[in-house]
Amino acid sequence: MHFSINLTTGTFYYSTYGNNQINAVKLEKDRLDQTELLQYPLQSEQAINFQN
């Protein structure tokens, strides 16, 4: 897995070995104050981005 975090926008970007598409999770400040662990599903399938 490869990942990067933009600290200005609070966005976590990642790609996996099985899915090299860049995926992003927006980390909202108000939800980060919770005591429960936040979980998001891992995107394992690529999507096609049609541009026309």
Protein backbone atom coordinates (compact mmCIF):
# COMPACT_ATOMS: atom_id res chain seq x y z
CA MET A 1 0.00 0.00 0.00
CA HIS A 2 1.15 3.51 -0.80
CA PHE A 3 -0.33 6.52 0.94
CA SER A 4 -0.03 10.26 1.38
CA ILE A 5 -1.77 12.81 3.60
CA ASN A 6 -2.49 16.42 2.68
CA LEU A 7 -2.39 18.19 6.03
CA THR A 8 -3.88 21.38 4.59
CA THR A 9 -7.10 19.73 3.39
CA GLY A 10 -7.12 16.74 5.77
CA THR A 11 -7.29 14.28 2.89
CA PHE A 12 -5.78 10.78 3.09
CA TYR A 13 -4.81 9.39 -0.35
CA TYR A 14 -3.95 5.74 -0.93
CA SER A 15 -3.46 3.06 -3.56
CA THR A 16 -2.87 -0.66 -3.11
CA TYR A 17 -0.84 -3.22 -5.03
CA GLY A 18 -4.06 -4.77 -6.36
CA ASN A 19 -5.65 -1.39 -7.22
CA ASN A 20 -3.23 1.32 -8.36
CA GLN A 21 -6.04 3.88 -8.72
CA ILE A 22 -5.66 6.78 -6.29
CA ASN A 23 -8.42 6.74 -3.67
CA ALA A 24 -9.08 9.52 -1.15
CA VAL A 25 -10.73 9.79 2.26
CA LYS A 26 -11.62 13.28 3.51
CA LEU A 27 -10.87 13.39 7.25
CA GLU A 28 -13.37 15.85 8.70
CA LYS A 29 -12.16 17.69 11.77
CA ASP A 30 -15.36 17.26 13.80
CA ARG A 31 -15.30 13.47 13.34
CA LEU A 32 -11.66 13.22 14.45
CA ASP A 33 -12.65 14.27 17.98
CA GLN A 34 -14.60 11.02 18.51
CA THR A 35 -13.35 8.35 20.86
CA GLU A 36 -14.44 5.52 18.53
CA LEU A 37 -12.20 4.29 15.72
CA LEU A 38 -13.35 5.41 12.26
CA GLN A 39 -13.21 2.75 9.56
CA TYR A 40 -13.67 3.10 5.82
CA PRO A 41 -13.91 0.21 3.32
CA LEU A 42 -10.78 -0.49 1.29
CA GLN A 43 -11.45 0.06 -2.41
CA SER A 44 -10.19 -3.08 -4.13
CA GLU A 45 -11.61 -2.53 -7.62
CA GLN A 46 -10.60 0.14 -10.09
CA ALA A 47 -13.16 2.48 -11.62
CA ILE A 48 -12.96 3.99 -15.08
CA ASN A 49 -13.12 7.78 -15.25
CA PHE A 50 -14.67 8.71 -18.60
CA GLN A 51 -13.63 12.21 -19.66
CA ASN A 52 -15.98 12.71 -22.61
